[in-house]
Amino acid sequence: MPALTQRRIALPLACFVLGLVMLGGLLAYVMTQSPSSAGGGVGGPFTLTDQNGDAVSDASLRGEPFLVFFGFTHCPDVCPTTLFDASEMLRALGPSAKAKVLFVSVDPQRDTPEVLKSYLGSFDPRIVGLTGSQEAVDAMAKAYRVYARKVPLKDGDYTMDHTALVYLMDRTGRFVGGFDLKRAPAAAAAEYQRYLS
């Protein structure tokens, strides 16, 4: 193979290998940086208002594990289905279990405490609806790495695109991982039970 051809092949190959090494180093750096004290950089301090008008914060939840789901009351399918599944899991845990599910509205413009209270009346009472100022909701969504975006509709109304992950937080408020509610309620309850004190 002529020397010129070898150089033409070697230079792009060397650049590619160097790029892979740099990308690997960048990924290693990012993975070691934790923007919050929660596991994997997910979660953090927040203070919002529940459906009864009371303040709820990360500090007030310490001591027991909890699930967090971001959604909105005008959601046509994912949110009510997830809340139903959460209610079924809570029912399987039994009425005395100190379990809690947070339903955080990504649409605080429409989801006032009163609206949340009416909406959540169809689900287990251990599901706590949270809302607040747009800034406070955005800050919590950012801490939980949640995507939420207003999508205009043709009639002048709007809907919300949002992350549909259910977050499991341990009794210290540390992120454990995504929690699967799309299974038999008894199986979900058995997993959740492992984190109860």
N, C-alpha and C. Protein backbone atom coordinates (compact mmCIF):
# COMPACT_ATOMS: atom_id res chain seq x y z
N MET A 1 0.86 -1.19 0.00
CA MET A 1 0.00 0.00 0.00
C MET A 1 0.90 1.24 0.00
N PRO A 2 0.67 2.20 -0.89
CA PRO A 2 1.51 3.39 -0.95
C PRO A 2 1.46 4.16 0.38
N ALA A 3 2.57 4.85 0.69
CA ALA A 3 2.68 5.60 1.94
C ALA A 3 1.61 6.67 2.06
N LEU A 4 1.29 7.33 0.95
CA LEU A 4 0.27 8.39 0.98
C LEU A 4 -1.09 7.82 1.35
N THR A 5 -1.43 6.66 0.83
CA THR A 5 -2.71 6.01 1.16
C THR A 5 -2.75 5.60 2.62
N GLN A 6 -1.61 5.09 3.12
CA GLN A 6 -1.55 4.71 4.53
C GLN A 6 -1.78 5.91 5.43
N ARG A 7 -1.19 7.05 5.08
CA ARG A 7 -1.37 8.27 5.89
C ARG A 7 -2.82 8.74 5.85
N ARG A 8 -3.46 8.61 4.67
CA ARG A 8 -4.87 9.02 4.54
C ARG A 8 -5.79 8.17 5.41
N ILE A 9 -5.43 6.93 5.60
CA ILE A 9 -6.23 6.04 6.44
C ILE A 9 -5.87 6.23 7.91
N ALA A 10 -4.59 6.38 8.20
CA ALA A 10 -4.11 6.46 9.59
C ALA A 10 -4.62 7.71 10.30
N LEU A 11 -4.63 8.84 9.62
CA LEU A 11 -5.03 10.09 10.27
C LEU A 11 -6.49 10.06 10.74
N PRO A 12 -7.47 9.71 9.89
CA PRO A 12 -8.85 9.63 10.38
C PRO A 12 -9.03 8.57 11.47
N LEU A 13 -8.29 7.46 11.34
CA LEU A 13 -8.38 6.41 12.34
C LEU A 13 -7.86 6.90 13.69
N ALA A 14 -6.74 7.62 13.67
CA ALA A 14 -6.17 8.16 14.90
C ALA A 14 -7.12 9.18 15.52
N CYS A 15 -7.73 10.02 14.70
CA CYS A 15 -8.70 11.01 15.21
C CYS A 15 -9.91 10.32 15.83
N PHE A 16 -10.36 9.24 15.20
CA PHE A 16 -11.51 8.49 15.72
C PHE A 16 -11.18 7.88 17.08
N VAL A 17 -10.02 7.24 17.18
CA VAL A 17 -9.60 6.62 18.45
C VAL A 17 -9.45 7.68 19.53
N LEU A 18 -8.83 8.81 19.20
CA LEU A 18 -8.67 9.90 20.17
C LEU A 18 -10.04 10.41 20.62
N GLY A 19 -10.98 10.52 19.67
CA GLY A 19 -12.33 10.95 20.02
C GLY A 19 -13.01 9.99 20.98
N LEU A 20 -12.82 8.68 20.76
CA LEU A 20 -13.40 7.68 21.66
C LEU A 20 -12.81 7.80 23.06
N VAL A 21 -11.49 8.00 23.14
CA VAL A 21 -10.83 8.15 24.44
C VAL A 21 -11.36 9.38 25.17
N MET A 22 -11.50 10.50 24.43
CA MET A 22 -12.00 11.73 25.05
C MET A 22 -13.45 11.57 25.50
N LEU A 23 -14.27 10.90 24.69
CA LEU A 23 -15.67 10.67 25.04
C LEU A 23 -15.76 9.80 26.29
N GLY A 24 -14.93 8.76 26.35
CA GLY A 24 -14.91 7.89 27.53
C GLY A 24 -14.52 8.67 28.78
N GLY A 25 -13.53 9.53 28.65
CA GLY A 25 -13.12 10.36 29.79
C GLY A 25 -14.22 11.31 30.23
N LEU A 26 -14.91 11.91 29.26
CA LEU A 26 -16.01 12.83 29.58
C LEU A 26 -17.14 12.10 30.28
N LEU A 27 -17.49 10.91 29.78
CA LEU A 27 -18.55 10.12 30.42
C LEU A 27 -18.17 9.73 31.85
N ALA A 28 -16.91 9.34 32.04
CA ALA A 28 -16.46 8.98 33.39
C ALA A 28 -16.55 10.17 34.33
N TYR A 29 -16.20 11.37 33.82
CA TYR A 29 -16.29 12.58 34.64
C TYR A 29 -17.74 12.89 35.01
N VAL A 30 -18.62 12.85 34.01
CA VAL A 30 -20.03 13.17 34.25
C VAL A 30 -20.64 12.20 35.25
N MET A 31 -20.31 10.92 35.13
CA MET A 31 -20.90 9.92 36.02
C MET A 31 -20.45 10.09 37.47
N THR A 32 -19.27 10.71 37.69
CA THR A 32 -18.79 10.90 39.06
C THR A 32 -19.29 12.19 39.67
N GLN A 33 -19.90 13.07 38.86
CA GLN A 33 -20.41 14.34 39.38
C GLN A 33 -21.86 14.16 39.80
N SER A 34 -22.19 14.60 41.01
CA SER A 34 -23.55 14.47 41.53
C SER A 34 -24.10 15.85 41.85
N PRO A 35 -25.02 16.38 41.02
CA PRO A 35 -25.55 17.70 41.26
C PRO A 35 -26.40 17.81 42.50
N SER A 36 -26.82 16.71 43.09
CA SER A 36 -27.58 16.76 44.34
C SER A 36 -27.12 15.62 45.22
N SER A 37 -27.60 15.59 46.42
CA SER A 37 -27.20 14.54 47.35
C SER A 37 -27.96 13.25 47.10
N ALA A 38 -28.97 13.28 46.25
CA ALA A 38 -29.75 12.08 45.97
C ALA A 38 -28.99 11.16 45.05
N GLY A 39 -29.38 9.88 45.06
CA GLY A 39 -28.70 8.89 44.25
C GLY A 39 -28.76 9.23 42.78
N GLY A 40 -27.60 9.16 42.12
CA GLY A 40 -27.54 9.40 40.70
C GLY A 40 -27.88 10.82 40.30
N GLY A 41 -27.88 11.75 41.24
CA GLY A 41 -28.20 13.13 40.92
C GLY A 41 -29.68 13.36 40.67
N VAL A 42 -30.53 12.44 41.08
CA VAL A 42 -31.98 12.58 40.89
C VAL A 42 -32.63 12.91 42.22
N GLY A 43 -33.44 13.94 42.23
CA GLY A 43 -34.12 14.36 43.46
C GLY A 43 -33.40 15.53 44.10
N GLY A 44 -33.96 16.02 45.17
CA GLY A 44 -33.38 17.16 45.86
C GLY A 44 -34.43 17.93 46.63
N PRO A 45 -34.03 19.03 47.22
CA PRO A 45 -34.96 19.83 48.02
C PRO A 45 -36.11 20.40 47.19
N PHE A 46 -37.30 20.42 47.78
CA PHE A 46 -38.45 21.06 47.15
C PHE A 46 -39.46 21.40 48.23
N THR A 47 -40.30 22.37 47.94
CA THR A 47 -41.45 22.70 48.78
C THR A 47 -42.58 23.07 47.84
N LEU A 48 -43.66 22.30 47.91
CA LEU A 48 -44.84 22.56 47.09
C LEU A 48 -46.08 22.49 47.98
N THR A 49 -47.24 22.70 47.39
CA THR A 49 -48.51 22.72 48.13
C THR A 49 -49.35 21.52 47.73
N ASP A 50 -49.91 20.83 48.74
CA ASP A 50 -50.73 19.65 48.42
C ASP A 50 -52.18 20.04 48.14
N GLN A 51 -53.02 19.04 47.89
CA GLN A 51 -54.41 19.29 47.51
C GLN A 51 -55.24 19.87 48.66
N ASN A 52 -54.69 19.84 49.87
CA ASN A 52 -55.40 20.44 51.01
C ASN A 52 -54.87 21.83 51.36
N GLY A 53 -53.94 22.33 50.56
CA GLY A 53 -53.38 23.64 50.79
C GLY A 53 -52.21 23.66 51.77
N ASP A 54 -51.72 22.48 52.14
CA ASP A 54 -50.61 22.38 53.10
C ASP A 54 -49.28 22.25 52.36
N ALA A 55 -48.24 22.80 52.98
CA ALA A 55 -46.90 22.70 52.39
C ALA A 55 -46.35 21.29 52.57
N VAL A 56 -45.74 20.78 51.53
CA VAL A 56 -45.06 19.48 51.58
C VAL A 56 -43.65 19.71 51.03
N SER A 57 -42.66 19.22 51.78
CA SER A 57 -41.28 19.37 51.34
C SER A 57 -40.57 18.02 51.38
N ASP A 58 -39.40 17.99 50.79
CA ASP A 58 -38.60 16.77 50.85
C ASP A 58 -38.29 16.41 52.30
N ALA A 59 -38.07 17.42 53.15
CA ALA A 59 -37.76 17.18 54.56
C ALA A 59 -38.94 16.56 55.30
N SER A 60 -40.16 16.96 54.94
CA SER A 60 -41.34 16.43 55.64
C SER A 60 -41.64 14.98 55.26
N LEU A 61 -41.00 14.49 54.20
CA LEU A 61 -41.24 13.12 53.74
C LEU A 61 -40.21 12.13 54.29
N ARG A 62 -39.18 12.64 54.93
CA ARG A 62 -38.12 11.77 55.44
C ARG A 62 -38.67 10.78 56.45
N GLY A 63 -38.15 9.57 56.42
CA GLY A 63 -38.55 8.55 57.38
C GLY A 63 -39.26 7.36 56.74
N GLU A 64 -39.89 7.59 55.59
CA GLU A 64 -40.57 6.51 54.88
C GLU A 64 -40.29 6.66 53.38
N PRO A 65 -40.24 5.55 52.67
CA PRO A 65 -40.06 5.66 51.21
C PRO A 65 -41.30 6.26 50.56
N PHE A 66 -41.14 6.77 49.36
CA PHE A 66 -42.30 7.30 48.64
C PHE A 66 -42.04 7.19 47.14
N LEU A 67 -43.14 7.19 46.39
CA LEU A 67 -43.07 7.20 44.94
C LEU A 67 -43.41 8.60 44.45
N VAL A 68 -42.82 8.99 43.33
CA VAL A 68 -43.08 10.30 42.73
C VAL A 68 -43.43 10.08 41.26
N PHE A 69 -44.53 10.71 40.84
CA PHE A 69 -44.94 10.66 39.44
C PHE A 69 -45.33 12.07 39.01
N PHE A 70 -44.82 12.53 37.88
CA PHE A 70 -45.14 13.86 37.35
C PHE A 70 -46.20 13.72 36.27
N GLY A 71 -47.24 14.53 36.34
CA GLY A 71 -48.31 14.46 35.36
C GLY A 71 -49.19 15.70 35.44
N PHE A 72 -50.43 15.58 35.00
CA PHE A 72 -51.37 16.72 35.04
C PHE A 72 -52.79 16.20 34.93
N THR A 73 -53.72 16.96 35.46
CA THR A 73 -55.09 16.46 35.58
C THR A 73 -55.84 16.38 34.25
N HIS A 74 -55.39 17.11 33.22
CA HIS A 74 -56.03 17.03 31.91
C HIS A 74 -55.44 15.91 31.05
N CYS A 75 -54.55 15.14 31.61
CA CYS A 75 -53.90 14.03 30.89
C CYS A 75 -54.96 12.99 30.52
N PRO A 76 -55.03 12.59 29.25
CA PRO A 76 -56.11 11.70 28.82
C PRO A 76 -55.93 10.23 29.18
N ASP A 77 -54.70 9.75 29.34
CA ASP A 77 -54.54 8.31 29.53
C ASP A 77 -53.43 7.90 30.49
N VAL A 78 -52.19 8.34 30.26
CA VAL A 78 -51.06 7.86 31.06
C VAL A 78 -51.22 8.18 32.54
N CYS A 79 -51.61 9.40 32.85
CA CYS A 79 -51.70 9.82 34.26
C CYS A 79 -52.80 9.07 35.03
N PRO A 80 -54.04 9.04 34.53
CA PRO A 80 -55.05 8.30 35.29
C PRO A 80 -54.74 6.81 35.39
N THR A 81 -54.14 6.24 34.35
CA THR A 81 -53.78 4.82 34.40
C THR A 81 -52.72 4.58 35.46
N THR A 82 -51.71 5.45 35.51
CA THR A 82 -50.65 5.30 36.51
C THR A 82 -51.19 5.48 37.91
N LEU A 83 -52.07 6.45 38.10
CA LEU A 83 -52.66 6.68 39.42
C LEU A 83 -53.55 5.51 39.84
N PHE A 84 -54.25 4.92 38.88
CA PHE A 84 -55.04 3.72 39.18
C PHE A 84 -54.13 2.58 39.61
N ASP A 85 -53.03 2.37 38.86
CA ASP A 85 -52.08 1.31 39.21
C ASP A 85 -51.47 1.56 40.59
N ALA A 86 -51.17 2.82 40.90
CA ALA A 86 -50.64 3.16 42.22
C ALA A 86 -51.66 2.86 43.30
N SER A 87 -52.92 3.18 43.03
CA SER A 87 -53.98 2.91 43.99
C SER A 87 -54.13 1.41 44.26
N GLU A 88 -54.00 0.61 43.19
CA GLU A 88 -54.09 -0.84 43.33
C GLU A 88 -52.93 -1.39 44.16
N MET A 89 -51.72 -0.83 43.95
CA MET A 89 -50.58 -1.25 44.75
C MET A 89 -50.79 -0.89 46.22
N LEU A 90 -51.27 0.32 46.46
CA LEU A 90 -51.52 0.76 47.83
C LEU A 90 -52.59 -0.10 48.49
N ARG A 91 -53.61 -0.47 47.75
CA ARG A 91 -54.64 -1.35 48.28
C ARG A 91 -54.05 -2.70 48.67
N ALA A 92 -53.13 -3.21 47.82
CA ALA A 92 -52.48 -4.49 48.10
C ALA A 92 -51.58 -4.41 49.33
N LEU A 93 -51.03 -3.24 49.59
CA LEU A 93 -50.19 -3.06 50.78
C LEU A 93 -51.03 -3.08 52.06
N GLY A 94 -52.29 -2.70 51.94
CA GLY A 94 -53.17 -2.66 53.11
C GLY A 94 -53.31 -1.26 53.65
N PRO A 95 -54.43 -0.99 54.34
CA PRO A 95 -54.74 0.37 54.79
C PRO A 95 -53.79 0.92 55.85
N SER A 96 -53.08 0.05 56.56
CA SER A 96 -52.21 0.52 57.63
C SER A 96 -50.78 0.80 57.18
N ALA A 97 -50.45 0.46 55.94
CA ALA A 97 -49.09 0.68 55.44
C ALA A 97 -48.81 2.17 55.31
N LYS A 98 -47.66 2.59 55.81
CA LYS A 98 -47.27 4.00 55.73
C LYS A 98 -46.62 4.26 54.37
N ALA A 99 -47.42 4.16 53.33
CA ALA A 99 -46.95 4.34 51.97
C ALA A 99 -47.49 5.66 51.42
N LYS A 100 -46.70 6.25 50.53
CA LYS A 100 -47.13 7.53 49.98
C LYS A 100 -46.70 7.62 48.52
N VAL A 101 -47.59 8.18 47.70
CA VAL A 101 -47.31 8.43 46.29
C VAL A 101 -47.54 9.92 46.05
N LEU A 102 -46.55 10.58 45.46
CA LEU A 102 -46.69 12.00 45.12
C LEU A 102 -47.04 12.13 43.64
N PHE A 103 -48.09 12.88 43.36
CA PHE A 103 -48.48 13.20 41.99
C PHE A 103 -48.18 14.69 41.80
N VAL A 104 -47.09 14.99 41.13
CA VAL A 104 -46.63 16.38 40.98
C VAL A 104 -47.13 16.92 39.65
N SER A 105 -47.92 17.97 39.69
CA SER A 105 -48.46 18.54 38.46
C SER A 105 -47.40 19.32 37.70
N VAL A 106 -47.29 19.04 36.41
CA VAL A 106 -46.42 19.82 35.54
C VAL A 106 -47.22 20.93 34.86
N ASP A 107 -48.47 21.10 35.31
CA ASP A 107 -49.37 22.11 34.74
C ASP A 107 -49.98 22.95 35.86
N PRO A 108 -49.13 23.66 36.62
CA PRO A 108 -49.66 24.41 37.76
C PRO A 108 -50.60 25.54 37.37
N GLN A 109 -50.57 25.96 36.12
CA GLN A 109 -51.48 27.01 35.64
C GLN A 109 -52.94 26.58 35.80
N ARG A 110 -53.22 25.31 35.53
CA ARG A 110 -54.59 24.80 35.66
C ARG A 110 -54.79 23.98 36.93
N ASP A 111 -53.73 23.33 37.39
CA ASP A 111 -53.87 22.40 38.52
C ASP A 111 -53.64 23.09 39.87
N THR A 112 -54.68 23.75 40.33
CA THR A 112 -54.67 24.36 41.66
C THR A 112 -54.88 23.27 42.70
N PRO A 113 -54.66 23.56 43.98
CA PRO A 113 -54.96 22.56 45.01
C PRO A 113 -56.40 22.05 44.94
N GLU A 114 -57.34 22.93 44.65
CA GLU A 114 -58.75 22.53 44.57
C GLU A 114 -58.99 21.56 43.42
N VAL A 115 -58.38 21.84 42.27
CA VAL A 115 -58.51 20.96 41.11
C VAL A 115 -57.89 19.60 41.42
N LEU A 116 -56.71 19.60 42.04
CA LEU A 116 -56.06 18.35 42.40
C LEU A 116 -56.91 17.54 43.38
N LYS A 117 -57.51 18.23 44.34
CA LYS A 117 -58.33 17.53 45.34
C LYS A 117 -59.51 16.83 44.68
N SER A 118 -60.16 17.52 43.76
CA SER A 118 -61.29 16.93 43.06
C SER A 118 -60.83 15.74 42.20
N TYR A 119 -59.75 15.93 41.49
CA TYR A 119 -59.23 14.89 40.59
C TYR A 119 -58.79 13.64 41.35
N LEU A 120 -58.10 13.83 42.45
CA LEU A 120 -57.56 12.70 43.20
C LEU A 120 -58.60 11.99 44.07
N GLY A 121 -59.81 12.55 44.13
CA GLY A 121 -60.88 11.92 44.90
C GLY A 121 -61.24 10.53 44.39
N SER A 122 -60.86 10.22 43.16
CA SER A 122 -61.16 8.90 42.58
C SER A 122 -60.08 7.86 42.89
N PHE A 123 -59.02 8.27 43.57
CA PHE A 123 -57.89 7.37 43.80
C PHE A 123 -57.63 7.20 45.29
N ASP A 124 -56.67 6.34 45.62
CA ASP A 124 -56.32 6.08 47.02
C ASP A 124 -55.95 7.38 47.73
N PRO A 125 -56.44 7.57 48.97
CA PRO A 125 -56.16 8.82 49.68
C PRO A 125 -54.69 9.01 50.06
N ARG A 126 -53.87 7.97 49.91
CA ARG A 126 -52.44 8.13 50.19
C ARG A 126 -51.68 8.74 49.02
N ILE A 127 -52.40 9.03 47.94
CA ILE A 127 -51.79 9.74 46.82
C ILE A 127 -51.92 11.24 47.10
N VAL A 128 -50.78 11.91 47.14
CA VAL A 128 -50.73 13.33 47.48
C VAL A 128 -50.47 14.13 46.21
N GLY A 129 -51.36 15.05 45.88
CA GLY A 129 -51.18 15.92 44.73
C GLY A 129 -50.37 17.13 45.12
N LEU A 130 -49.41 17.51 44.30
CA LEU A 130 -48.57 18.67 44.59
C LEU A 130 -48.58 19.65 43.44
N THR A 131 -48.64 20.93 43.80
CA THR A 131 -48.58 22.01 42.82
C THR A 131 -47.89 23.20 43.48
N GLY A 132 -47.77 24.28 42.75
CA GLY A 132 -47.11 25.46 43.29
C GLY A 132 -46.90 26.46 42.18
N SER A 133 -46.00 27.39 42.40
CA SER A 133 -45.68 28.35 41.35
C SER A 133 -44.98 27.62 40.21
N GLN A 134 -45.00 28.22 39.03
CA GLN A 134 -44.32 27.60 37.89
C GLN A 134 -42.84 27.41 38.19
N GLU A 135 -42.25 28.40 38.88
CA GLU A 135 -40.83 28.32 39.20
C GLU A 135 -40.53 27.16 40.14
N ALA A 136 -41.39 26.96 41.16
CA ALA A 136 -41.17 25.88 42.13
C ALA A 136 -41.35 24.51 41.47
N VAL A 137 -42.35 24.40 40.60
CA VAL A 137 -42.58 23.13 39.89
C VAL A 137 -41.43 22.85 38.94
N ASP A 138 -40.99 23.88 38.22
CA ASP A 138 -39.87 23.71 37.28
C ASP A 138 -38.60 23.28 38.02
N ALA A 139 -38.38 23.85 39.20
CA ALA A 139 -37.19 23.50 39.98
C ALA A 139 -37.22 22.04 40.40
N MET A 140 -38.40 21.56 40.84
CA MET A 140 -38.50 20.15 41.23
C MET A 140 -38.34 19.25 40.01
N ALA A 141 -38.96 19.62 38.90
CA ALA A 141 -38.84 18.83 37.67
C ALA A 141 -37.37 18.74 37.25
N LYS A 142 -36.66 19.83 37.36
CA LYS A 142 -35.24 19.83 36.99
C LYS A 142 -34.44 18.92 37.92
N ALA A 143 -34.74 18.98 39.22
CA ALA A 143 -34.03 18.14 40.19
C ALA A 143 -34.27 16.66 39.92
N TYR A 144 -35.46 16.33 39.43
CA TYR A 144 -35.79 14.93 39.14
C TYR A 144 -35.52 14.56 37.68
N ARG A 145 -34.93 15.49 36.95
CA ARG A 145 -34.59 15.28 35.54
C ARG A 145 -35.82 14.92 34.72
N VAL A 146 -36.89 15.66 34.96
CA VAL A 146 -38.16 15.42 34.27
C VAL A 146 -38.28 16.37 33.08
N TYR A 147 -38.72 15.82 31.98
CA TYR A 147 -39.04 16.61 30.79
C TYR A 147 -40.51 16.98 30.84
N ALA A 148 -40.82 18.26 30.67
CA ALA A 148 -42.22 18.70 30.60
C ALA A 148 -42.29 19.89 29.65
N ARG A 149 -43.24 19.85 28.72
CA ARG A 149 -43.36 20.92 27.73
C ARG A 149 -44.83 21.11 27.35
N LYS A 150 -45.23 22.37 27.29
CA LYS A 150 -46.59 22.71 26.88
C LYS A 150 -46.70 22.56 25.36
N VAL A 151 -47.76 21.88 24.91
CA VAL A 151 -47.97 21.65 23.48
C VAL A 151 -49.31 22.28 23.09
N PRO A 152 -49.28 23.35 22.30
CA PRO A 152 -50.53 23.99 21.88
C PRO A 152 -51.39 23.07 21.02
N LEU A 153 -52.72 23.19 21.18
CA LEU A 153 -53.67 22.45 20.37
C LEU A 153 -54.36 23.41 19.41
N LYS A 154 -55.02 22.87 18.40
CA LYS A 154 -55.62 23.71 17.36
C LYS A 154 -56.72 24.63 17.88
N ASP A 155 -57.42 24.23 18.93
CA ASP A 155 -58.54 25.02 19.43
C ASP A 155 -58.12 26.10 20.41
N GLY A 156 -56.81 26.33 20.55
CA GLY A 156 -56.33 27.34 21.49
C GLY A 156 -56.02 26.77 22.86
N ASP A 157 -56.43 25.54 23.12
CA ASP A 157 -56.12 24.86 24.38
C ASP A 157 -54.69 24.31 24.29
N TYR A 158 -54.27 23.55 25.27
CA TYR A 158 -52.95 22.94 25.23
C TYR A 158 -52.95 21.64 26.02
N THR A 159 -51.95 20.83 25.74
CA THR A 159 -51.71 19.63 26.53
C THR A 159 -50.26 19.69 26.99
N MET A 160 -49.82 18.68 27.73
CA MET A 160 -48.45 18.65 28.24
C MET A 160 -47.77 17.34 27.85
N ASP A 161 -46.60 17.46 27.26
CA ASP A 161 -45.72 16.31 27.10
C ASP A 161 -44.87 16.23 28.35
N HIS A 162 -44.70 15.02 28.89
CA HIS A 162 -43.92 14.91 30.13
C HIS A 162 -43.35 13.52 30.32
N THR A 163 -42.32 13.43 31.12
CA THR A 163 -41.73 12.16 31.50
C THR A 163 -42.77 11.35 32.28
N ALA A 164 -42.86 10.07 31.97
CA ALA A 164 -43.87 9.22 32.63
C ALA A 164 -43.26 8.21 33.59
N LEU A 165 -42.02 8.42 33.99
CA LEU A 165 -41.36 7.51 34.92
C LEU A 165 -41.91 7.66 36.33
N VAL A 166 -42.04 6.55 37.03
CA VAL A 166 -42.40 6.57 38.46
C VAL A 166 -41.09 6.39 39.24
N TYR A 167 -40.78 7.36 40.10
CA TYR A 167 -39.53 7.37 40.85
C TYR A 167 -39.74 6.75 42.23
N LEU A 168 -38.86 5.83 42.61
CA LEU A 168 -38.86 5.30 43.98
C LEU A 168 -37.76 5.99 44.77
N MET A 169 -38.16 6.65 45.86
CA MET A 169 -37.23 7.33 46.75
C MET A 169 -37.22 6.58 48.08
N ASP A 170 -36.02 6.40 48.65
CA ASP A 170 -35.96 5.67 49.92
C ASP A 170 -36.30 6.58 51.10
N ARG A 171 -36.20 6.06 52.32
CA ARG A 171 -36.64 6.81 53.50
C ARG A 171 -35.81 8.05 53.78
N THR A 172 -34.63 8.17 53.15
CA THR A 172 -33.80 9.37 53.32
C THR A 172 -34.02 10.36 52.19
N GLY A 173 -34.89 10.02 51.24
CA GLY A 173 -35.12 10.88 50.09
C GLY A 173 -34.16 10.63 48.95
N ARG A 174 -33.40 9.56 49.03
CA ARG A 174 -32.43 9.21 47.99
C ARG A 174 -33.12 8.39 46.90
N PHE A 175 -32.78 8.68 45.65
CA PHE A 175 -33.36 7.99 44.51
C PHE A 175 -32.87 6.54 44.46
N VAL A 176 -33.82 5.60 44.41
CA VAL A 176 -33.50 4.18 44.32
C VAL A 176 -33.49 3.74 42.85
N GLY A 177 -34.55 4.12 42.12
CA GLY A 177 -34.66 3.75 40.71
C GLY A 177 -36.09 3.92 40.23
N GLY A 178 -36.31 3.60 38.97
CA GLY A 178 -37.67 3.62 38.43
C GLY A 178 -38.47 2.48 39.05
N PHE A 179 -39.75 2.73 39.27
CA PHE A 179 -40.61 1.73 39.91
C PHE A 179 -41.68 1.30 38.93
N ASP A 180 -41.79 -0.01 38.71
CA ASP A 180 -42.73 -0.56 37.73
C ASP A 180 -44.09 -0.83 38.37
N LEU A 181 -45.08 -0.02 38.00
CA LEU A 181 -46.45 -0.24 38.46
C LEU A 181 -47.25 -1.07 37.47
N LYS A 182 -46.67 -1.37 36.31
CA LYS A 182 -47.38 -2.12 35.27
C LYS A 182 -47.21 -3.62 35.48
N ARG A 183 -47.60 -4.08 36.62
CA ARG A 183 -47.52 -5.51 36.96
C ARG A 183 -48.60 -5.81 37.98
N ALA A 184 -48.68 -7.03 38.42
CA ALA A 184 -49.69 -7.38 39.42
C ALA A 184 -49.49 -6.53 40.67
N PRO A 185 -50.58 -5.96 41.22
CA PRO A 185 -50.46 -5.12 42.40
C PRO A 185 -49.71 -5.77 43.56
N ALA A 186 -49.91 -7.08 43.75
CA ALA A 186 -49.23 -7.78 44.83
C ALA A 186 -47.72 -7.79 44.63
N ALA A 187 -47.27 -7.92 43.37
CA ALA A 187 -45.84 -7.91 43.08
C ALA A 187 -45.24 -6.53 43.32
N ALA A 188 -45.95 -5.49 42.89
CA ALA A 188 -45.47 -4.12 43.14
C ALA A 188 -45.44 -3.84 44.63
N ALA A 189 -46.48 -4.28 45.36
CA ALA A 189 -46.54 -4.06 46.80
C ALA A 189 -45.41 -4.79 47.52
N ALA A 190 -45.08 -5.99 47.06
CA ALA A 190 -44.00 -6.76 47.70
C ALA A 190 -42.67 -6.05 47.54
N GLU A 191 -42.43 -5.46 46.36
CA GLU A 191 -41.17 -4.72 46.17
C GLU A 191 -41.14 -3.47 47.05
N TYR A 192 -42.25 -2.74 47.05
CA TYR A 192 -42.30 -1.50 47.85
C TYR A 192 -42.11 -1.82 49.34
N GLN A 193 -42.68 -2.92 49.77
CA GLN A 193 -42.63 -3.33 51.18
C GLN A 193 -41.18 -3.47 51.67
N ARG A 194 -40.29 -3.83 50.77
CA ARG A 194 -38.89 -4.02 51.15
C ARG A 194 -38.24 -2.72 51.63
N TYR A 195 -38.79 -1.59 51.22
CA TYR A 195 -38.19 -0.29 51.58
C TYR A 195 -38.86 0.35 52.79
N LEU A 196 -39.97 -0.23 53.25
CA LEU A 196 -40.67 0.32 54.42
C LEU A 196 -39.87 0.02 55.69
N SER A 197 -39.84 0.98 56.61
CA SER A 197 -39.09 0.77 57.84
C SER A 197 -39.89 -0.06 58.82
